[in-house]
């Protein structure tokens, strides 16, 4: 399943549902799809998301330093959650600046 985020302040973005729900929960939302976030709630949700991503990034780095031999030399590096979160962070930042609500829904 895919989830598409919409706001009047930014272009719509689509991401895999497992990643979207994880990021929404990190931002303090229930992770329900479909749902919305009011403009007044976005700055605090964005701050929580960035704080949790920073903590998750530190944990990921410690796991990588402990087990570098686990990755196949021929396989591309894994895309981390912080990188996957970047489009949503941009969308939420634009929505916060322009005081716009954000909605999301399941998409195909």
C-alpha atoms as a PDB file:
ATOM      1  CA  UNK A   1       0.000   0.000   0.000  1.00  0.00           C
ATOM      2  CA  UNK A   2       1.080   3.576  -0.649  1.00  0.00           C
ATOM      3  CA  UNK A   3       0.216   6.741   1.271  1.00  0.00           C
ATOM      4  CA  UNK A   4      -0.040  10.146  -0.400  1.00  0.00           C
ATOM      5  CA  UNK A   5       0.389  13.363   1.595  1.00  0.00           C
ATOM      6  CA  UNK A   6      -1.277  16.605   0.457  1.00  0.00           C
ATOM      7  CA  UNK A   7      -0.998  20.244   1.464  1.00  0.00           C
ATOM      8  CA  UNK A   8      -1.580  23.548  -0.307  1.00  0.00           C
ATOM      9  CA  UNK A   9       1.958  24.596   0.579  1.00  0.00           C
ATOM     10  CA  UNK A  10       3.859  21.836  -1.271  1.00  0.00           C
ATOM     11  CA  UNK A  11       3.545  19.237  -3.994  1.00  0.00           C
ATOM     12  CA  UNK A  12       1.934  15.964  -2.958  1.00  0.00           C
ATOM     13  CA  UNK A  13       4.305  13.148  -2.007  1.00  0.00           C
ATOM     14  CA  UNK A  14       3.774   9.396  -1.976  1.00  0.00           C
ATOM     15  CA  UNK A  15       5.607   6.826   0.118  1.00  0.00           C
ATOM     16  CA  UNK A  16       5.254   3.221   1.177  1.00  0.00           C
ATOM     17  CA  UNK A  17       2.696   2.827   3.954  1.00  0.00           C
ATOM     18  CA  UNK A  18       5.043   1.168   6.441  1.00  0.00           C
ATOM     19  CA  UNK A  19       7.455   4.090   6.217  1.00  0.00           C
ATOM     20  CA  UNK A  20       4.646   6.672   6.279  1.00  0.00           C
ATOM     21  CA  UNK A  21       3.023   5.150   9.367  1.00  0.00           C
ATOM     22  CA  UNK A  22       6.389   4.901  11.145  1.00  0.00           C
ATOM     23  CA  UNK A  23       7.131   8.565  10.433  1.00  0.00           C
ATOM     24  CA  UNK A  24       3.648   9.665  11.497  1.00  0.00           C
ATOM     25  CA  UNK A  25       4.020   7.799  14.789  1.00  0.00           C
ATOM     26  CA  UNK A  26       7.441   9.354  15.316  1.00  0.00           C
ATOM     27  CA  UNK A  27       5.771  12.755  14.828  1.00  0.00           C
ATOM     28  CA  UNK A  28       3.289  11.927  17.583  1.00  0.00           C
ATOM     29  CA  UNK A  29       0.332  11.000  15.384  1.00  0.00           C
ATOM     30  CA  UNK A  30      -1.595   7.720  15.684  1.00  0.00           C
ATOM     31  CA  UNK A  31      -0.502   6.636  12.211  1.00  0.00           C
ATOM     32  CA  UNK A  32      -4.093   6.321  11.012  1.00  0.00           C
ATOM     33  CA  UNK A  33      -4.606   6.408   7.240  1.00  0.00           C
ATOM     34  CA  UNK A  34      -6.511   8.451   6.069  1.00  0.00           C
ATOM     35  CA  UNK A  35      -6.144  11.355   8.460  1.00  0.00           C
ATOM     36  CA  UNK A  36      -4.958  14.938   8.763  1.00  0.00           C
ATOM     37  CA  UNK A  37      -2.839  17.299  10.795  1.00  0.00           C
ATOM     38  CA  UNK A  38      -3.978  20.833  11.509  1.00  0.00           C
ATOM     39  CA  UNK A  39      -1.632  23.696  10.714  1.00  0.00           C
ATOM     40  CA  UNK A  40      -1.306  24.613  14.400  1.00  0.00           C
ATOM     41  CA  UNK A  41      -0.066  21.109  15.251  1.00  0.00           C
ATOM     42  CA  UNK A  42       2.536  20.807  12.514  1.00  0.00           C
ATOM     43  CA  UNK A  43       5.480  22.675  14.104  1.00  0.00           C
ATOM     44  CA  UNK A  44       5.461  20.482  17.225  1.00  0.00           C
ATOM     45  CA  UNK A  45       4.943  17.313  15.161  1.00  0.00           C
ATOM     46  CA  UNK A  46       7.856  18.284  12.906  1.00  0.00           C
ATOM     47  CA  UNK A  47      10.093  18.917  15.924  1.00  0.00           C
ATOM     48  CA  UNK A  48       9.181  15.498  17.423  1.00  0.00           C
ATOM     49  CA  UNK A  49       9.824  13.786  14.089  1.00  0.00           C
ATOM     50  CA  UNK A  50      13.250  15.363  13.673  1.00  0.00           C
ATOM     51  CA  UNK A  51      14.174  14.559  17.287  1.00  0.00           C
ATOM     52  CA  UNK A  52      13.175  10.895  16.895  1.00  0.00           C
ATOM     53  CA  UNK A  53      14.975  10.638  13.550  1.00  0.00           C
ATOM     54  CA  UNK A  54      18.157  11.993  15.123  1.00  0.00           C
ATOM     55  CA  UNK A  55      17.927   9.376  17.869  1.00  0.00           C
ATOM     56  CA  UNK A  56      17.189   6.616  15.337  1.00  0.00           C
ATOM     57  CA  UNK A  57      20.120   7.773  13.204  1.00  0.00           C
ATOM     58  CA  UNK A  58      22.507   7.470  16.138  1.00  0.00           C
ATOM     59  CA  UNK A  59      21.217   3.953  16.784  1.00  0.00           C
ATOM     60  CA  UNK A  60      21.612   2.997  13.101  1.00  0.00           C
ATOM     61  CA  UNK A  61      25.191   4.266  13.049  1.00  0.00           C
ATOM     62  CA  UNK A  62      26.080   2.202  16.110  1.00  0.00           C
ATOM     63  CA  UNK A  63      24.570  -0.936  14.507  1.00  0.00           C
ATOM     64  CA  UNK A  64      26.545  -0.348  11.306  1.00  0.00           C
ATOM     65  CA  UNK A  65      29.832   0.048  13.157  1.00  0.00           C
ATOM     66  CA  UNK A  66      29.256  -3.199  15.051  1.00  0.00           C
ATOM     67  CA  UNK A  67      28.385  -5.376  12.021  1.00  0.00           C
ATOM     68  CA  UNK A  68      29.990  -3.991   8.840  1.00  0.00           C
ATOM     69  CA  UNK A  69      30.569  -7.503   7.475  1.00  0.00           C
ATOM     70  CA  UNK A  70      26.832  -8.189   7.136  1.00  0.00           C
ATOM     71  CA  UNK A  71      26.441  -6.219   3.908  1.00  0.00           C
ATOM     72  CA  UNK A  72      27.290  -7.767   0.583  1.00  0.00           C
ATOM     73  CA  UNK A  73      29.924  -5.760  -1.258  1.00  0.00           C
ATOM     74  CA  UNK A  74      27.883  -5.951  -4.478  1.00  0.00           C
ATOM     75  CA  UNK A  75      24.600  -4.730  -2.993  1.00  0.00           C
ATOM     76  CA  UNK A  76      23.746  -1.042  -2.800  1.00  0.00           C
ATOM     77  CA  UNK A  77      23.688   0.515   0.666  1.00  0.00           C
ATOM     78  CA  UNK A  78      20.365   0.494   2.486  1.00  0.00           C
ATOM     79  CA  UNK A  79      18.290   3.667   2.389  1.00  0.00           C
ATOM     80  CA  UNK A  80      17.935   4.900   5.948  1.00  0.00           C
ATOM     81  CA  UNK A  81      14.795   6.209   7.562  1.00  0.00           C
ATOM     82  CA  UNK A  82      16.199   9.753   7.690  1.00  0.00           C
ATOM     83  CA  UNK A  83      16.612   9.766   3.907  1.00  0.00           C
ATOM     84  CA  UNK A  84      13.120   8.352   3.403  1.00  0.00           C
ATOM     85  CA  UNK A  85      11.729  11.021   5.741  1.00  0.00           C
ATOM     86  CA  UNK A  86      13.262  13.928   3.827  1.00  0.00           C
ATOM     87  CA  UNK A  87      10.318  14.559   1.442  1.00  0.00           C
ATOM     88  CA  UNK A  88       7.854  14.487   4.355  1.00  0.00           C
ATOM     89  CA  UNK A  89      10.032  16.872   6.353  1.00  0.00           C
ATOM     90  CA  UNK A  90      10.073  19.267   3.403  1.00  0.00           C
ATOM     91  CA  UNK A  91       6.289  19.039   3.046  1.00  0.00           C
ATOM     92  CA  UNK A  92       5.689  19.579   6.775  1.00  0.00           C
ATOM     93  CA  UNK A  93       8.167  22.470   6.882  1.00  0.00           C
ATOM     94  CA  UNK A  94       6.425  24.214   3.984  1.00  0.00           C
ATOM     95  CA  UNK A  95       3.026  23.611   5.571  1.00  0.00           C
ATOM     96  CA  UNK A  96       4.266  25.057   8.881  1.00  0.00           C
ATOM     97  CA  UNK A  97       5.692  28.151   7.168  1.00  0.00           C
ATOM     98  CA  UNK A  98       2.482  28.817   5.252  1.00  0.00           C
ATOM     99  CA  UNK A  99       0.181  27.644   8.076  1.00  0.00           C
ATOM    100  CA  UNK A 100      -1.532  24.991   5.938  1.00  0.00           C
ATOM    101  CA  UNK A 101      -3.132  21.733   7.036  1.00  0.00           C
ATOM    102  CA  UNK A 102      -1.749  18.392   5.830  1.00  0.00           C
ATOM    103  CA  UNK A 103      -3.876  15.411   4.845  1.00  0.00           C
ATOM    104  CA  UNK A 104      -2.948  11.906   3.794  1.00  0.00           C
ATOM    105  CA  UNK A 105      -4.731   8.973   2.280  1.00  0.00           C
ATOM    106  CA  UNK A 106      -4.155   5.534   0.869  1.00  0.00           C
ATOM    107  CA  UNK A 107      -3.273   5.587  -2.801  1.00  0.00           C
ATOM    108  CA  UNK A 108      -2.680   3.019  -5.505  1.00  0.00           C
END
